[in-house]
Amino acid sequence: MKALIIAAGMGRRIRNLGDSKPLVELLGLPLIERVIMNARRAGITEFVIVVGYNGEKVKEKLNEIAKRRGVKLTIINNPDWQKENGLSVLKAREALEGEKFLLLMSDHIHDPEIIQSLVNASINDGEVILAVDGKVDRNHLVDHDDVTRVLVKDGHIQDIGKNIKRFNAFDTGAFLCTPAIFDAIEESIKVNKDSTLSGGIRILAKRNRALALDIGDAFWIDVDDEVAYKKAENYLLGKLNKNSDGPVAKYLNRPISRLITRYLVKLPVTPNQVTIFSFLVAVFAGILFLFKDMLALAGILTQFSSVLDGVDGEIARIKYMETKFGKWLDSVLDRYADGIIIGTLTWNAYHFRYPSYLTLVAGWFSILGSLINSYIAMKYDELMGKLRRKKYFRIGRDLRLFFIFVGSLAGLPFETLILLGLLMNFENLRRILILRKYENYL
């Protein structure tokens, strides 16, 4: 299946952010690249893109995106880009004739599940399916004066347009189309002098061939002005939390890491570079633990490395830069960092606070429990996913490093090691018992 993306407009209301709307960057990526990558996640690798205003500049950027992202693009110019959007759809007819396709707008951001639902939807010849938002009284992200309204009854579109009086849904700008859409737009132009995409949908609606797919609580937004741009930015940053986040990660680390990520995504910084930097901060913290009077500073750097440990994944997710190697590298360096920090904390406790073999045993027990805790985490999180647990109890690295941070500030390295040893190994036992209970799900 291919995807058609309409990217011909100027975007007058967002000109302060860029001279070409599809190329306006949202958290480090052009809007149109976000649309492409959302569809890419749903398995779409071929795109037909209709450009118009500033066409050569947009085309140049699209070719760079295609090479970097490994997608195939067919770029079509619409010299009548100042006219209605249905004309841009018609320009792509030859490239899409004879097959169903996704139809997306270059300035609409959707949750990936919306696009996936359209890709998976069953559609008959001559039909069109529009993803609609039925939250007309609850969606405060849309511009109610500009949004396209839809009247839906029994899963079929009855009417559509910006100025219709009776409506119960919003047009999200995402469609699954058959070639019937081309004939419908042409008929709308000929009969009604209406060259909008909505005009074509109205023609199909009269024949009961325009269907609606409700998106439920999924997110979408038309980034048509600076207010919507800020809302989209805040939403994308706000959804960076992971189900596996522990309490410290969720309530302390994430609010700080998101501030860092908001800045770094606009720079040519890769997730792996942040992973390595976070590791080096942890190494430096470990070095400081070797000195008697540096305990507090070492603890602060330990917590800072914990915050940075979330930034690499945030950048990867928000810029579609996730790789299996990156996840593996992050996991490996986290294990090294934990070993270095707890090992040097043990040195500090033994040489400067409590020179006893009990300190060494506590340190050994803490390192062992922490490493096994990280080893079990992947299988435990996998199980929670299969059980469809969006929220679940988890004691992990975020809490471990936070205790080291607090214990170091309090000048209690030995007591911190005792706490870590007990807590991590107790958590490991708890996870083992849960995994044993639900072994059929593994």
Protein backbone atom coordinates (compact mmCIF):
# COMPACT_ATOMS: atom_id res chain seq x y z
CA MET A 1 0.00 0.00 0.00
CA LYS A 2 1.15 3.55 -0.78
CA ALA A 3 0.43 6.79 1.02
CA LEU A 4 -0.49 10.08 -0.62
CA ILE A 5 0.57 13.17 1.33
CA ILE A 6 -0.74 16.60 0.43
CA ALA A 7 2.04 19.16 0.99
CA ALA A 8 1.21 21.94 -1.45
CA GLY A 9 0.03 24.75 0.81
CA MET A 10 1.83 27.83 2.09
CA GLY A 11 0.68 27.87 5.71
CA ARG A 12 0.15 31.59 6.18
CA ARG A 13 -0.77 31.29 9.86
CA ILE A 14 2.49 29.54 10.71
CA ARG A 15 4.88 31.61 8.59
CA ASN A 16 6.77 32.89 11.65
CA LEU A 17 8.06 29.35 12.21
CA GLY A 18 9.18 28.67 8.65
CA ASP A 19 8.70 29.78 5.06
CA SER A 20 7.29 26.40 3.99
CA LYS A 21 4.69 24.69 6.14
CA PRO A 22 5.66 21.04 5.45
CA LEU A 23 9.24 21.88 6.45
CA VAL A 24 8.42 23.62 9.74
CA GLU A 25 10.37 21.71 12.37
CA LEU A 26 8.52 20.27 15.34
CA LEU A 27 10.96 19.02 18.00
CA GLY A 28 13.77 18.63 15.51
CA LEU A 29 11.88 17.09 12.59
CA PRO A 30 9.96 18.70 9.71
CA LEU A 31 6.22 18.17 9.99
CA ILE A 32 6.15 16.14 6.78
CA GLU A 33 8.90 13.85 8.04
CA ARG A 34 6.80 13.09 11.12
CA VAL A 35 3.88 12.21 8.85
CA ILE A 36 6.10 9.95 6.74
CA MET A 37 7.59 8.18 9.75
CA ASN A 38 4.18 7.61 11.36
CA ALA A 39 3.04 5.89 8.17
CA ARG A 40 6.39 4.07 8.00
CA ARG A 41 5.66 2.52 11.39
CA ALA A 42 2.44 1.15 9.93
CA GLY A 43 4.42 -0.59 7.19
CA ILE A 44 4.14 2.04 4.44
CA THR A 45 7.38 2.44 2.49
CA GLU A 46 6.16 4.11 -0.73
CA PHE A 47 4.82 7.65 -0.77
CA VAL A 48 3.33 9.97 -3.36
CA ILE A 49 3.74 13.57 -2.26
CA VAL A 50 2.10 16.54 -3.94
CA VAL A 51 4.03 19.80 -3.49
CA GLY A 52 3.23 23.31 -4.58
CA TYR A 53 4.35 26.42 -2.74
CA ASN A 54 8.15 26.55 -2.47
CA GLY A 55 8.09 23.28 -4.36
CA GLU A 56 11.78 22.98 -5.22
CA LYS A 57 12.88 23.54 -1.63
CA VAL A 58 10.35 21.01 -0.35
CA LYS A 59 11.38 18.51 -3.02
CA GLU A 60 15.06 18.86 -2.11
CA LYS A 61 14.32 18.20 1.55
CA LEU A 62 12.06 15.25 0.72
CA ASN A 63 14.81 13.61 -1.33
CA GLU A 64 17.15 13.96 1.64
CA ILE A 65 14.53 12.44 3.95
CA ALA A 66 13.92 9.55 1.53
CA LYS A 67 17.63 8.69 1.44
CA ARG A 68 18.05 8.94 5.21
CA ARG A 69 14.87 7.05 6.11
CA GLY A 70 14.96 4.41 3.38
CA VAL A 71 11.58 5.18 1.80
CA LYS A 72 10.55 5.57 -1.82
CA LEU A 73 9.03 8.88 -2.89
CA THR A 74 7.21 10.02 -6.00
CA ILE A 75 7.01 13.82 -5.92
CA ILE A 76 4.37 15.60 -7.99
CA ASN A 77 4.09 19.35 -8.49
CA ASN A 78 0.75 21.15 -8.30
CA PRO A 79 1.02 24.57 -9.99
CA ASP A 80 -2.50 25.35 -8.77
CA TRP A 81 -1.52 24.97 -5.12
CA GLN A 82 -3.34 28.19 -4.18
CA LYS A 83 -6.65 26.55 -5.09
CA GLU A 84 -8.56 23.88 -3.16
CA ASN A 85 -6.89 20.71 -1.87
CA GLY A 86 -8.96 18.38 -4.02
CA LEU A 87 -6.87 19.48 -7.00
CA SER A 88 -3.73 18.23 -5.26
CA VAL A 89 -5.40 14.85 -4.77
CA LEU A 90 -6.28 14.70 -8.47
CA LYS A 91 -2.66 15.41 -9.44
CA ALA A 92 -1.72 12.05 -7.88
CA ARG A 93 -4.31 10.04 -9.80
CA GLU A 94 -1.94 8.49 -12.32
CA ALA A 95 0.53 7.44 -9.60
CA LEU A 96 -2.20 5.75 -7.53
CA GLU A 97 -4.80 4.55 -10.04
CA GLY A 98 -6.03 1.01 -9.46
CA GLU A 99 -5.06 0.56 -5.80
CA LYS A 100 -6.19 1.57 -2.35
CA PHE A 101 -3.99 4.09 -0.56
CA LEU A 102 -3.65 6.20 2.56
CA LEU A 103 -4.34 9.90 2.19
CA LEU A 104 -2.65 12.15 4.75
CA MET A 105 -2.02 15.86 5.28
CA SER A 106 1.53 17.12 5.76
CA ASP A 107 0.52 19.27 8.74
CA HIS A 108 -1.55 16.75 10.73
CA ILE A 109 0.06 14.78 13.55
CA HIS A 110 -1.59 11.50 14.60
CA ASP A 111 -0.99 8.82 17.17
CA PRO A 112 0.51 5.85 15.27
CA GLU A 113 -2.46 3.63 16.15
CA ILE A 114 -4.76 5.83 14.04
CA ILE A 115 -2.69 5.19 10.93
CA GLN A 116 -2.35 1.50 11.80
CA SER A 117 -6.12 1.18 12.20
CA LEU A 118 -6.67 2.63 8.73
CA VAL A 119 -4.06 0.33 7.21
CA ASN A 120 -5.78 -2.67 8.83
CA ALA A 121 -9.30 -1.55 7.92
CA SER A 122 -11.38 -3.53 5.42
CA ILE A 123 -12.56 -1.42 2.49
CA ASN A 124 -14.62 -2.28 -0.59
CA ASP A 125 -14.19 -0.94 -4.11
CA GLY A 126 -15.68 2.50 -4.47
CA GLU A 127 -15.43 3.38 -0.77
CA VAL A 128 -13.47 5.82 1.32
CA ILE A 129 -12.84 5.60 5.07
CA LEU A 130 -12.16 8.75 7.08
CA ALA A 131 -10.69 8.61 10.59
CA VAL A 132 -12.99 10.82 12.66
CA ASP A 133 -12.81 12.20 16.17
CA GLY A 134 -16.10 11.88 18.03
CA LYS A 135 -14.87 13.88 21.04
CA VAL A 136 -16.42 17.10 19.78
CA ASP A 137 -17.15 18.34 23.31
CA ARG A 138 -13.91 17.11 24.89
CA ASN A 139 -11.15 17.78 22.38
CA HIS A 140 -9.60 21.12 23.31
CA LEU A 141 -6.69 20.71 20.90
CA VAL A 142 -8.61 21.64 17.77
CA ASP A 143 -9.51 25.07 16.42
CA HIS A 144 -13.29 24.84 16.52
CA ASP A 145 -13.61 27.75 14.11
CA ASP A 146 -11.45 26.11 11.44
CA VAL A 147 -11.81 22.34 11.87
CA THR A 148 -13.70 20.32 9.27
CA ARG A 149 -16.88 18.95 10.81
CA VAL A 150 -18.44 15.59 10.06
CA LEU A 151 -21.92 14.18 10.58
CA VAL A 152 -21.80 10.42 11.13
CA LYS A 153 -24.64 7.94 11.41
CA ASP A 154 -24.23 4.16 11.82
CA GLY A 155 -20.61 4.34 10.71
CA HIS A 156 -21.36 6.24 7.51
CA ILE A 157 -20.67 9.90 6.74
CA GLN A 158 -23.82 11.90 6.11
CA ASP A 159 -22.23 15.32 5.65
CA ILE A 160 -18.85 17.02 5.90
CA GLY A 161 -17.60 20.59 5.78
CA LYS A 162 -16.25 23.47 7.83
CA ASN A 163 -19.58 25.26 8.08
CA ILE A 164 -22.16 22.49 8.51
CA LYS A 165 -24.51 23.08 11.44
CA ARG A 166 -25.24 19.48 12.42
CA PHE A 167 -22.17 17.41 13.23
CA ASN A 168 -20.94 14.85 15.77
CA ALA A 169 -17.30 14.34 14.76
CA PHE A 170 -14.21 16.08 13.44
CA ASP A 171 -12.21 15.24 10.30
CA THR A 172 -8.72 14.17 11.47
CA GLY A 173 -7.17 14.47 8.01
CA ALA A 174 -6.40 10.75 7.65
CA PHE A 175 -8.17 8.62 5.01
CA LEU A 176 -8.08 5.18 3.49
CA CYS A 177 -9.11 5.62 -0.14
CA THR A 178 -9.91 3.65 -3.24
CA PRO A 179 -9.57 5.26 -6.69
CA ALA A 180 -13.25 6.25 -6.38
CA ILE A 181 -12.09 9.40 -4.62
CA PHE A 182 -10.72 10.77 -7.89
CA ASP A 183 -13.99 10.40 -9.78
CA ALA A 184 -15.87 11.85 -6.80
CA ILE A 185 -13.73 15.01 -6.72
CA GLU A 186 -14.09 15.45 -10.47
CA GLU A 187 -17.85 15.09 -10.15
CA SER A 188 -17.88 17.59 -7.29
CA ILE A 189 -16.02 20.09 -9.47
CA LYS A 190 -18.32 19.54 -12.45
CA VAL A 191 -21.66 19.47 -10.62
CA ASN A 192 -21.08 21.65 -7.56
CA LYS A 193 -18.10 23.79 -8.61
CA ASP A 194 -16.43 22.47 -5.45
CA SER A 195 -12.81 21.36 -5.82
CA THR A 196 -12.24 20.50 -2.15
CA LEU A 197 -11.50 17.03 -0.86
CA SER A 198 -14.57 17.39 1.35
CA GLY A 199 -16.64 17.99 -1.80
CA GLY A 200 -15.56 14.61 -3.12
CA ILE A 201 -16.39 12.96 0.21
CA ARG A 202 -19.88 14.49 0.07
CA ILE A 203 -20.44 12.93 -3.35
CA LEU A 204 -19.50 9.49 -1.97
CA ALA A 205 -21.56 10.09 1.17
CA LYS A 206 -24.71 10.54 -0.91
CA ARG A 207 -24.09 7.04 -2.30
CA ASN A 208 -23.43 5.60 1.17
CA ARG A 209 -19.81 4.95 0.15
CA ALA A 210 -18.09 7.22 2.70
CA LEU A 211 -17.37 5.41 5.97
CA ALA A 212 -16.15 6.75 9.31
CA LEU A 213 -13.59 5.14 11.62
CA ASP A 214 -13.76 6.64 15.11
CA ILE A 215 -10.33 7.11 16.71
CA GLY A 216 -11.61 6.92 20.29
CA ASP A 217 -9.24 8.65 22.69
CA ALA A 218 -6.26 8.67 20.32
CA PHE A 219 -4.44 11.96 19.71
CA TRP A 220 -4.39 14.05 16.57
CA ILE A 221 -3.84 17.72 15.81
CA ASP A 222 -3.80 20.01 12.80
CA VAL A 223 -0.63 22.09 13.21
CA ASP A 224 -2.11 25.08 11.41
CA ASP A 225 -0.95 27.95 13.61
CA GLU A 226 1.48 28.72 16.41
CA VAL A 227 -1.03 27.84 19.13
CA ALA A 228 -1.55 24.37 17.66
CA TYR A 229 2.22 24.04 17.17
CA LYS A 230 2.84 24.59 20.89
CA LYS A 231 0.07 22.14 21.81
CA ALA A 232 1.61 19.48 19.54
CA GLU A 233 5.06 20.07 21.02
CA ASN A 234 3.79 19.76 24.59
CA TYR A 235 1.83 16.60 23.77
CA LEU A 236 4.76 14.83 22.13
CA LEU A 237 7.02 15.67 25.06
CA GLY A 238 4.34 14.68 27.55
CA LYS A 239 3.92 11.18 26.12
CA LEU A 240 7.59 10.27 26.62
CA ASN A 241 6.86 8.44 29.88
CA LYS A 242 7.22 4.66 29.65
CA ASN A 243 5.07 2.04 31.35
CA SER A 244 8.24 0.66 32.91
CA ASP A 245 9.17 3.96 34.57
CA GLY A 246 9.65 3.66 38.30
CA PRO A 247 8.47 6.36 40.72
CA VAL A 248 11.69 8.38 40.59
CA ALA A 249 11.85 8.22 36.80
CA LYS A 250 8.22 9.26 36.48
CA TYR A 251 7.99 12.07 39.02
CA LEU A 252 11.55 13.43 39.24
CA ASN A 253 13.70 12.38 36.30
CA ARG A 254 11.20 12.76 33.44
CA PRO A 255 10.21 16.38 34.15
CA ILE A 256 13.92 17.30 34.09
CA SER A 257 14.92 15.07 31.19
CA ARG A 258 12.07 16.45 29.04
CA LEU A 259 13.47 19.95 29.50
CA ILE A 260 16.86 18.74 28.31
CA THR A 261 15.31 16.77 25.44
CA ARG A 262 13.27 19.79 24.29
CA TYR A 263 16.57 21.58 23.70
CA LEU A 264 18.71 18.71 22.40
CA VAL A 265 16.24 17.53 19.72
CA LYS A 266 16.89 20.77 17.88
CA LEU A 267 20.61 19.98 17.69
CA PRO A 268 22.41 17.31 15.63
CA VAL A 269 22.82 15.12 18.72
CA THR A 270 22.22 11.37 18.42
CA PRO A 271 20.75 9.12 21.13
CA ASN A 272 23.96 7.06 21.22
CA GLN A 273 26.01 10.20 21.89
CA VAL A 274 23.78 10.99 24.87
CA THR A 275 24.08 7.36 26.05
CA ILE A 276 27.87 7.61 26.03
CA PHE A 277 27.85 11.02 27.73
CA SER A 278 25.54 9.69 30.46
CA PHE A 279 27.95 6.80 30.99
CA LEU A 280 30.93 9.17 31.23
CA VAL A 281 29.09 11.23 33.86
CA ALA A 282 28.54 8.02 35.84
CA VAL A 283 32.24 7.12 35.49
CA PHE A 284 33.23 10.57 36.75
CA ALA A 285 30.86 10.13 39.70
CA GLY A 286 32.55 6.80 40.41
CA ILE A 287 35.96 8.48 40.40
CA LEU A 288 34.76 11.09 42.88
CA PHE A 289 33.53 8.33 45.22
CA LEU A 290 37.20 7.39 45.64
CA PHE A 291 37.83 10.63 47.51
CA LYS A 292 36.70 11.17 51.08
CA ASP A 293 35.40 14.72 50.69
CA MET A 294 33.69 14.24 47.33
CA LEU A 295 30.89 11.96 48.47
CA ALA A 296 28.09 14.53 48.10
CA LEU A 297 29.23 15.74 44.66
CA ALA A 298 29.58 12.13 43.50
CA GLY A 299 26.00 11.49 44.61
CA ILE A 300 24.74 14.53 42.71
CA LEU A 301 26.50 13.40 39.54
CA THR A 302 25.05 9.91 40.03
CA GLN A 303 21.54 11.36 40.01
CA PHE A 304 22.37 13.56 37.01
CA SER A 305 23.52 10.50 35.09
CA SER A 306 20.19 8.87 35.98
CA VAL A 307 18.32 11.83 34.48
CA LEU A 308 20.48 11.73 31.35
CA ASP A 309 19.78 8.00 31.05
CA GLY A 310 16.24 8.93 30.05
CA VAL A 311 17.23 11.59 27.51
CA ASP A 312 18.75 9.20 24.97
CA GLY A 313 15.55 7.18 24.72
CA GLU A 314 13.42 10.33 24.58
CA ILE A 315 15.39 11.70 21.65
CA ALA A 316 15.23 8.32 19.92
CA ARG A 317 11.46 8.07 20.29
CA ILE A 318 10.64 11.66 19.43
CA LYS A 319 12.89 11.73 16.34
CA TYR A 320 12.20 8.15 15.18
CA MET A 321 15.84 7.18 15.76
CA GLU A 322 15.27 4.01 17.79
CA THR A 323 17.59 1.13 16.90
CA LYS A 324 18.20 -2.31 18.39
CA PHE A 325 21.90 -1.46 18.73
CA GLY A 326 21.09 1.75 20.60
CA LYS A 327 18.91 -0.09 23.12
CA TRP A 328 21.57 -2.75 23.57
CA LEU A 329 24.36 -0.17 23.99
CA ASP A 330 22.33 1.70 26.58
CA SER A 331 21.72 -1.52 28.51
CA VAL A 332 25.38 -2.54 28.44
CA LEU A 333 26.70 0.85 29.54
CA ASP A 334 24.09 1.05 32.30
CA ARG A 335 25.41 -2.22 33.72
CA TYR A 336 28.98 -0.94 33.61
CA ALA A 337 27.91 2.35 35.20
CA ASP A 338 26.10 0.58 38.02
CA GLY A 339 29.08 -1.62 38.71
CA ILE A 340 31.45 1.35 38.77
CA ILE A 341 29.25 3.52 40.99
CA ILE A 342 28.38 0.84 43.54
CA GLY A 343 31.92 -0.52 43.50
CA THR A 344 33.50 2.87 44.22
CA LEU A 345 30.79 3.66 46.77
CA THR A 346 31.85 0.46 48.54
CA TRP A 347 35.47 1.69 48.43
CA ASN A 348 34.40 4.96 50.02
CA ALA A 349 32.42 3.23 52.76
CA TYR A 350 35.24 0.77 53.52
CA HIS A 351 38.18 3.18 53.53
CA PHE A 352 36.59 6.30 55.02
CA ARG A 353 33.50 5.25 56.99
CA TYR A 354 33.33 1.61 58.11
CA PRO A 355 36.52 -0.45 57.50
CA SER A 356 34.98 -3.87 57.97
CA TYR A 357 34.51 -7.00 55.88
CA LEU A 358 30.79 -6.43 56.40
CA THR A 359 31.11 -3.36 54.16
CA LEU A 360 32.67 -5.44 51.40
CA VAL A 361 29.94 -8.07 51.73
CA ALA A 362 27.26 -5.36 51.57
CA GLY A 363 28.91 -3.90 48.48
CA TRP A 364 29.16 -7.27 46.79
CA PHE A 365 25.54 -8.06 47.64
CA SER A 366 24.42 -4.67 46.26
CA ILE A 367 26.32 -5.07 42.98
CA LEU A 368 25.04 -8.61 42.48
CA GLY A 369 21.43 -7.66 43.27
CA SER A 370 21.58 -4.60 41.01
CA LEU A 371 22.99 -6.45 38.01
CA ILE A 372 20.48 -9.28 38.37
CA ASN A 373 17.73 -6.70 38.80
CA SER A 374 18.62 -5.21 35.41
CA TYR A 375 18.93 -8.66 33.85
CA ILE A 376 15.44 -9.70 34.97
CA ALA A 377 13.86 -6.33 34.03
CA MET A 378 13.50 -7.06 30.32
CA LYS A 379 11.66 -10.35 30.86
CA TYR A 380 9.53 -8.81 33.62
CA ASP A 381 8.52 -5.84 31.44
CA GLU A 382 7.78 -8.21 28.58
CA LEU A 383 5.43 -10.17 30.84
CA MET A 384 3.64 -7.01 31.99
CA GLY A 385 3.14 -6.08 28.36
CA LYS A 386 1.61 -9.46 27.56
CA LEU A 387 -0.64 -9.10 30.58
CA ARG A 388 -1.57 -5.64 29.23
CA ARG A 389 -0.60 -3.93 32.45
CA LYS A 390 -0.19 -0.23 31.66
CA LYS A 391 0.75 0.46 35.27
CA TYR A 392 2.66 -1.95 37.43
CA PHE A 393 4.95 -1.98 40.45
CA ARG A 394 8.65 -1.89 39.65
CA ILE A 395 11.79 -1.19 41.68
CA GLY A 396 14.61 -0.53 39.26
CA ARG A 397 17.60 1.57 38.32
CA ASP A 398 15.94 4.94 38.87
CA LEU A 399 15.26 4.16 42.54
CA ARG A 400 18.66 2.51 42.97
CA LEU A 401 20.60 5.58 41.83
CA PHE A 402 18.29 7.90 43.74
CA PHE A 403 19.05 6.06 46.99
CA ILE A 404 22.77 6.42 46.24
CA PHE A 405 22.20 10.14 45.64
CA VAL A 406 20.32 10.63 48.94
CA GLY A 407 22.67 8.39 50.91
CA SER A 408 25.70 10.26 49.60
CA LEU A 409 24.24 13.65 50.50
CA ALA A 410 23.51 12.30 54.00
CA GLY A 411 27.05 10.91 54.34
CA LEU A 412 25.79 7.34 54.81
CA PRO A 413 27.49 5.17 52.16
CA PHE A 414 27.54 1.99 54.29
CA GLU A 415 23.86 2.26 55.20
CA THR A 416 23.07 2.91 51.53
CA LEU A 417 24.81 -0.31 50.54
CA ILE A 418 22.85 -2.28 53.12
CA LEU A 419 19.58 -0.79 51.84
CA LEU A 420 20.47 -1.44 48.20
CA GLY A 421 21.44 -5.04 48.88
CA LEU A 422 18.21 -5.81 50.68
CA LEU A 423 15.95 -3.87 48.32
CA MET A 424 17.37 -5.10 45.01
CA ASN A 425 17.49 -8.75 46.02
CA PHE A 426 14.01 -8.60 47.51
CA GLU A 427 12.74 -7.13 44.24
CA ASN A 428 14.52 -9.84 42.26
CA LEU A 429 12.85 -12.55 44.34
CA ARG A 430 9.46 -10.87 43.88
CA ARG A 431 9.90 -10.75 40.10
CA ILE A 432 11.02 -14.38 39.93
CA LEU A 433 7.90 -15.48 41.80
CA ILE A 434 5.67 -13.43 39.45
CA LEU A 435 7.42 -14.80 36.36
CA ARG A 436 7.00 -18.31 37.74
CA LYS A 437 3.29 -17.69 38.33
CA TYR A 438 2.71 -16.47 34.76
CA GLU A 439 5.26 -18.66 32.98
CA ASN A 440 2.67 -19.67 30.36
CA TYR A 441 2.69 -16.07 29.09
CA LEU A 442 6.46 -16.04 28.47
